[in-house]
Amino acid sequence: MTKNRNNGLDQDAMFSLLSNPRRRFILQYLNRTGESIQLQDLATEVAAWENETEPEALTDKQRKRLYVSLYQTHIPKLEEAGIVDYDGDTGDIRLTDRGSDLNRYLDAEAPKDGDARPWGRYYLLVTLLGFLVYGLITIGGELGRTEMVLIGTGWVLLTVLTVLHYVETERWSAH
């Protein structure tokens, strides 16, 4: 079996761990927060993600089902691989350094080496500045009606694309 130099796991073990969507979500969540979390709270977050709802809207059955699954299956597998530390007495789960190393495999489009740029916000800023310029030109009356309509339509389309991109990026980074 091929060893992975960065985290000591062989490829089969790494792929097996990452093959389950719940485990991937757990790792992404722990990487994103950077803090330890109680098993019960983690189960609530996973259940909310799976049911595409807010944690407050979950039923007790949904929470319990996830809690049992995490407690009996997923957390023991991650702990055995050295990906998380789980304290059975307190219920605390925290990501180990080995778990942080796996983050690069969770999202192929994730920024590398802390190069996180908020492109959606840049596009939104450029669009808003464009509207400001368009408004000033319109008020000045330097363009004909046809040119103003064409430029205005272009800015509206750019705004729609920018807002869609911004919403998609924010939704993706929230998960």
C-alpha atoms as a PDB file:
ATOM      1  CA  MET A   1       0.000   0.000   0.000  1.00  0.00           C
ATOM      2  CA  THR A   2       1.173   3.498  -0.712  1.00  0.00           C
ATOM      3  CA  LYS A   3       1.832   5.714   2.280  1.00  0.00           C
ATOM      4  CA  ASN A   4       0.827   9.340   2.131  1.00  0.00           C
ATOM      5  CA  ARG A   5       3.829  11.379   3.268  1.00  0.00           C
ATOM      6  CA  ASN A   6       1.788  14.202   4.763  1.00  0.00           C
ATOM      7  CA  ASN A   7      -0.440  12.362   7.192  1.00  0.00           C
ATOM      8  CA  GLY A   8       0.921   8.823   7.526  1.00  0.00           C
ATOM      9  CA  LEU A   9      -2.282   7.162   6.278  1.00  0.00           C
ATOM     10  CA  ASP A  10      -2.094   4.747   3.393  1.00  0.00           C
ATOM     11  CA  GLN A  11      -4.222   5.723   0.411  1.00  0.00           C
ATOM     12  CA  ASP A  12      -6.794   2.991   0.971  1.00  0.00           C
ATOM     13  CA  ALA A  13      -7.399   4.099   4.571  1.00  0.00           C
ATOM     14  CA  MET A  14      -7.569   7.764   3.558  1.00  0.00           C
ATOM     15  CA  PHE A  15     -10.008   7.106   0.723  1.00  0.00           C
ATOM     16  CA  SER A  16     -12.095   4.861   2.938  1.00  0.00           C
ATOM     17  CA  LEU A  17     -12.360   7.591   5.569  1.00  0.00           C
ATOM     18  CA  LEU A  18     -13.246  10.225   2.994  1.00  0.00           C
ATOM     19  CA  SER A  19     -15.707   8.019   1.126  1.00  0.00           C
ATOM     20  CA  ASN A  20     -18.502   8.783   3.573  1.00  0.00           C
ATOM     21  CA  PRO A  21     -20.275  12.169   3.221  1.00  0.00           C
ATOM     22  CA  ARG A  22     -20.869  12.419   6.983  1.00  0.00           C
ATOM     23  CA  ARG A  23     -17.191  12.006   7.748  1.00  0.00           C
ATOM     24  CA  ARG A  24     -16.276  14.544   5.079  1.00  0.00           C
ATOM     25  CA  PHE A  25     -18.748  17.006   6.570  1.00  0.00           C
ATOM     26  CA  ILE A  26     -17.362  16.385  10.079  1.00  0.00           C
ATOM     27  CA  LEU A  27     -13.825  17.063   8.877  1.00  0.00           C
ATOM     28  CA  GLN A  28     -14.863  20.170   6.956  1.00  0.00           C
ATOM     29  CA  TYR A  29     -16.802  21.458   9.949  1.00  0.00           C
ATOM     30  CA  LEU A  30     -13.938  20.856  12.395  1.00  0.00           C
ATOM     31  CA  ASN A  31     -11.433  22.400   9.972  1.00  0.00           C
ATOM     32  CA  ARG A  32     -13.638  25.443   9.484  1.00  0.00           C
ATOM     33  CA  THR A  33     -14.286  26.080  13.175  1.00  0.00           C
ATOM     34  CA  GLY A  34     -10.841  25.134  14.430  1.00  0.00           C
ATOM     35  CA  GLU A  35     -12.263  24.355  17.872  1.00  0.00           C
ATOM     36  CA  SER A  36     -13.379  21.304  19.798  1.00  0.00           C
ATOM     37  CA  ILE A  37     -17.078  20.516  19.877  1.00  0.00           C
ATOM     38  CA  GLN A  38     -19.360  18.313  21.912  1.00  0.00           C
ATOM     39  CA  LEU A  39     -20.504  15.135  20.169  1.00  0.00           C
ATOM     40  CA  GLN A  40     -24.139  16.106  20.668  1.00  0.00           C
ATOM     41  CA  ASP A  41     -23.566  19.534  19.095  1.00  0.00           C
ATOM     42  CA  LEU A  42     -21.690  17.954  16.187  1.00  0.00           C
ATOM     43  CA  ALA A  43     -24.574  15.541  15.631  1.00  0.00           C
ATOM     44  CA  THR A  44     -26.935  18.524  15.494  1.00  0.00           C
ATOM     45  CA  GLU A  45     -24.753  20.265  12.879  1.00  0.00           C
ATOM     46  CA  VAL A  46     -24.523  17.130  10.726  1.00  0.00           C
ATOM     47  CA  ALA A  47     -28.272  16.494  10.998  1.00  0.00           C
ATOM     48  CA  ALA A  48     -29.031  20.089   9.988  1.00  0.00           C
ATOM     49  CA  TRP A  49     -26.691  19.765   7.006  1.00  0.00           C
ATOM     50  CA  GLU A  50     -28.198  16.448   5.905  1.00  0.00           C
ATOM     51  CA  ASN A  51     -31.772  17.690   6.284  1.00  0.00           C
ATOM     52  CA  GLU A  52     -30.959  21.055   4.701  1.00  0.00           C
ATOM     53  CA  THR A  53     -32.430  22.986   7.595  1.00  0.00           C
ATOM     54  CA  GLU A  54     -31.415  25.048  10.573  1.00  0.00           C
ATOM     55  CA  PRO A  55     -30.380  23.207  13.762  1.00  0.00           C
ATOM     56  CA  GLU A  56     -33.359  24.688  15.608  1.00  0.00           C
ATOM     57  CA  ALA A  57     -35.781  23.098  13.128  1.00  0.00           C
ATOM     58  CA  LEU A  58     -34.557  19.526  13.711  1.00  0.00           C
ATOM     59  CA  THR A  59     -36.697  16.923  15.395  1.00  0.00           C
ATOM     60  CA  ASP A  60     -35.417  14.886  18.334  1.00  0.00           C
ATOM     61  CA  LYS A  61     -35.533  11.785  16.118  1.00  0.00           C
ATOM     62  CA  GLN A  62     -33.263  13.393  13.512  1.00  0.00           C
ATOM     63  CA  ARG A  63     -30.761  14.447  16.192  1.00  0.00           C
ATOM     64  CA  LYS A  64     -30.759  11.065  17.915  1.00  0.00           C
ATOM     65  CA  ARG A  65     -30.316   9.144  14.663  1.00  0.00           C
ATOM     66  CA  LEU A  66     -27.236  11.185  13.816  1.00  0.00           C
ATOM     67  CA  TYR A  67     -25.859  11.053  17.345  1.00  0.00           C
ATOM     68  CA  VAL A  68     -25.998   7.236  17.378  1.00  0.00           C
ATOM     69  CA  SER A  69     -24.387   7.035  13.935  1.00  0.00           C
ATOM     70  CA  LEU A  70     -21.561   9.362  14.932  1.00  0.00           C
ATOM     71  CA  TYR A  71     -21.034   7.713  18.316  1.00  0.00           C
ATOM     72  CA  GLN A  72     -21.045   4.133  17.059  1.00  0.00           C
ATOM     73  CA  THR A  73     -19.455   4.435  13.626  1.00  0.00           C
ATOM     74  CA  HIS A  74     -17.939   7.647  12.364  1.00  0.00           C
ATOM     75  CA  ILE A  75     -16.127   9.110  15.370  1.00  0.00           C
ATOM     76  CA  PRO A  76     -14.508   5.746  16.298  1.00  0.00           C
ATOM     77  CA  LYS A  77     -13.221   5.360  12.702  1.00  0.00           C
ATOM     78  CA  LEU A  78     -11.830   8.895  12.673  1.00  0.00           C
ATOM     79  CA  GLU A  79     -10.301   8.444  16.119  1.00  0.00           C
ATOM     80  CA  GLU A  80      -8.727   5.083  15.215  1.00  0.00           C
ATOM     81  CA  ALA A  81      -7.064   6.737  12.199  1.00  0.00           C
ATOM     82  CA  GLY A  82      -5.746   9.545  14.416  1.00  0.00           C
ATOM     83  CA  ILE A  83      -7.849  12.151  12.610  1.00  0.00           C
ATOM     84  CA  VAL A  84      -9.795  13.308  15.680  1.00  0.00           C
ATOM     85  CA  ASP A  85      -9.346  13.101  19.424  1.00  0.00           C
ATOM     86  CA  TYR A  86     -12.506  12.074  21.249  1.00  0.00           C
ATOM     87  CA  ASP A  87     -12.849  12.300  25.015  1.00  0.00           C
ATOM     88  CA  GLY A  88     -15.594   9.856  25.986  1.00  0.00           C
ATOM     89  CA  ASP A  89     -15.904  11.385  29.459  1.00  0.00           C
ATOM     90  CA  THR A  90     -16.565  14.953  28.338  1.00  0.00           C
ATOM     91  CA  GLY A  91     -17.871  14.243  24.820  1.00  0.00           C
ATOM     92  CA  ASP A  92     -15.338  16.668  23.309  1.00  0.00           C
ATOM     93  CA  ILE A  93     -14.125  16.081  19.770  1.00  0.00           C
ATOM     94  CA  ARG A  94     -11.221  17.969  18.283  1.00  0.00           C
ATOM     95  CA  LEU A  95      -9.324  17.695  15.030  1.00  0.00           C
ATOM     96  CA  THR A  96      -5.718  16.495  15.227  1.00  0.00           C
ATOM     97  CA  ASP A  97      -2.893  17.753  13.040  1.00  0.00           C
ATOM     98  CA  ARG A  98      -3.365  14.643  10.909  1.00  0.00           C
ATOM     99  CA  GLY A  99      -7.002  15.640  10.416  1.00  0.00           C
ATOM    100  CA  SER A 100      -6.013  19.140   9.346  1.00  0.00           C
ATOM    101  CA  ASP A 101      -3.728  17.604   6.726  1.00  0.00           C
ATOM    102  CA  LEU A 102      -6.715  15.850   5.138  1.00  0.00           C
ATOM    103  CA  ASN A 103      -8.472  19.157   4.498  1.00  0.00           C
ATOM    104  CA  ARG A 104      -6.832  19.554   1.097  1.00  0.00           C
ATOM    105  CA  TYR A 105      -8.603  16.375  -0.091  1.00  0.00           C
ATOM    106  CA  LEU A 106     -12.030  17.570   0.994  1.00  0.00           C
ATOM    107  CA  ASP A 107     -12.385  20.447  -1.435  1.00  0.00           C
ATOM    108  CA  ALA A 108     -10.429  20.473  -4.670  1.00  0.00           C
ATOM    109  CA  GLU A 109     -11.270  24.137  -5.154  1.00  0.00           C
ATOM    110  CA  ALA A 110     -10.335  25.169  -1.626  1.00  0.00           C
ATOM    111  CA  PRO A 111      -7.710  27.888  -1.394  1.00  0.00           C
ATOM    112  CA  LYS A 112      -4.207  26.600  -0.762  1.00  0.00           C
ATOM    113  CA  ASP A 113      -1.826  28.108   1.775  1.00  0.00           C
ATOM    114  CA  GLY A 114      -4.325  30.619   3.125  1.00  0.00           C
ATOM    115  CA  ASP A 115      -4.908  32.283  -0.265  1.00  0.00           C
ATOM    116  CA  ALA A 116      -8.583  32.936   0.380  1.00  0.00           C
ATOM    117  CA  ARG A 117      -9.792  35.825  -1.741  1.00  0.00           C
ATOM    118  CA  PRO A 118     -13.386  37.004  -1.516  1.00  0.00           C
ATOM    119  CA  TRP A 119     -13.886  37.261  -5.292  1.00  0.00           C
ATOM    120  CA  GLY A 120     -17.651  37.531  -4.960  1.00  0.00           C
ATOM    121  CA  ARG A 121     -17.211  40.664  -2.867  1.00  0.00           C
ATOM    122  CA  TYR A 122     -14.747  42.149  -5.356  1.00  0.00           C
ATOM    123  CA  TYR A 123     -17.221  41.577  -8.196  1.00  0.00           C
ATOM    124  CA  LEU A 124     -20.012  43.099  -6.136  1.00  0.00           C
ATOM    125  CA  LEU A 125     -17.880  46.173  -5.412  1.00  0.00           C
ATOM    126  CA  VAL A 126     -17.007  46.610  -9.117  1.00  0.00           C
ATOM    127  CA  THR A 127     -20.683  46.300 -10.039  1.00  0.00           C
ATOM    128  CA  LEU A 128     -21.741  48.887  -7.480  1.00  0.00           C
ATOM    129  CA  LEU A 129     -19.057  51.290  -8.674  1.00  0.00           C
ATOM    130  CA  GLY A 130     -20.267  50.713 -12.236  1.00  0.00           C
ATOM    131  CA  PHE A 131     -23.806  51.639 -11.208  1.00  0.00           C
ATOM    132  CA  LEU A 132     -22.475  54.797  -9.583  1.00  0.00           C
ATOM    133  CA  VAL A 133     -20.631  55.773 -12.773  1.00  0.00           C
ATOM    134  CA  TYR A 134     -23.676  54.875 -14.881  1.00  0.00           C
ATOM    135  CA  GLY A 135     -25.866  57.006 -12.631  1.00  0.00           C
ATOM    136  CA  LEU A 136     -23.518  59.978 -12.920  1.00  0.00           C
ATOM    137  CA  ILE A 137     -23.366  59.638 -16.712  1.00  0.00           C
ATOM    138  CA  THR A 138     -27.164  59.364 -16.906  1.00  0.00           C
ATOM    139  CA  ILE A 139     -27.613  62.462 -14.760  1.00  0.00           C
ATOM    140  CA  GLY A 140     -25.066  64.326 -16.909  1.00  0.00           C
ATOM    141  CA  GLY A 141     -27.027  63.439 -20.054  1.00  0.00           C
ATOM    142  CA  GLU A 142     -23.893  62.955 -22.180  1.00  0.00           C
ATOM    143  CA  LEU A 143     -25.126  59.766 -23.866  1.00  0.00           C
ATOM    144  CA  GLY A 144     -28.022  59.151 -26.196  1.00  0.00           C
ATOM    145  CA  ARG A 145     -31.027  57.137 -25.099  1.00  0.00           C
ATOM    146  CA  THR A 146     -29.976  53.972 -26.992  1.00  0.00           C
ATOM    147  CA  GLU A 147     -26.462  53.995 -25.511  1.00  0.00           C
ATOM    148  CA  MET A 148     -27.855  54.489 -21.992  1.00  0.00           C
ATOM    149  CA  VAL A 149     -30.279  51.579 -22.424  1.00  0.00           C
ATOM    150  CA  LEU A 150     -27.542  49.279 -23.748  1.00  0.00           C
ATOM    151  CA  ILE A 151     -25.089  50.189 -20.978  1.00  0.00           C
ATOM    152  CA  GLY A 152     -27.836  49.946 -18.358  1.00  0.00           C
ATOM    153  CA  THR A 153     -28.849  46.476 -19.592  1.00  0.00           C
ATOM    154  CA  GLY A 154     -25.213  45.373 -19.469  1.00  0.00           C
ATOM    155  CA  TRP A 155     -24.874  46.568 -15.868  1.00  0.00           C
ATOM    156  CA  VAL A 156     -28.091  44.836 -14.860  1.00  0.00           C
ATOM    157  CA  LEU A 157     -26.830  41.547 -16.354  1.00  0.00           C
ATOM    158  CA  LEU A 158     -23.470  42.005 -14.646  1.00  0.00           C
ATOM    159  CA  THR A 159     -25.239  42.663 -11.354  1.00  0.00           C
ATOM    160  CA  VAL A 160     -27.350  39.522 -11.668  1.00  0.00           C
ATOM    161  CA  LEU A 161     -24.261  37.413 -12.409  1.00  0.00           C
ATOM    162  CA  THR A 162     -22.360  39.048  -9.539  1.00  0.00           C
ATOM    163  CA  VAL A 163     -25.145  38.448  -7.041  1.00  0.00           C
ATOM    164  CA  LEU A 164     -25.508  34.823  -8.158  1.00  0.00           C
ATOM    165  CA  HIS A 165     -21.756  34.299  -7.823  1.00  0.00           C
ATOM    166  CA  TYR A 166     -21.683  35.974  -4.417  1.00  0.00           C
ATOM    167  CA  VAL A 167     -24.584  33.892  -3.091  1.00  0.00           C
ATOM    168  CA  GLU A 168     -23.074  30.659  -4.417  1.00  0.00           C
ATOM    169  CA  THR A 169     -19.635  31.432  -2.933  1.00  0.00           C
ATOM    170  CA  GLU A 170     -21.074  32.363   0.453  1.00  0.00           C
ATOM    171  CA  ARG A 171     -23.260  29.256   0.490  1.00  0.00           C
ATOM    172  CA  TRP A 172     -20.305  27.067  -0.464  1.00  0.00           C
ATOM    173  CA  SER A 173     -18.016  28.598   2.170  1.00  0.00           C
ATOM    174  CA  ALA A 174     -20.726  28.130   4.803  1.00  0.00           C
ATOM    175  CA  HIS A 175     -20.536  24.390   4.191  1.00  0.00           C
END
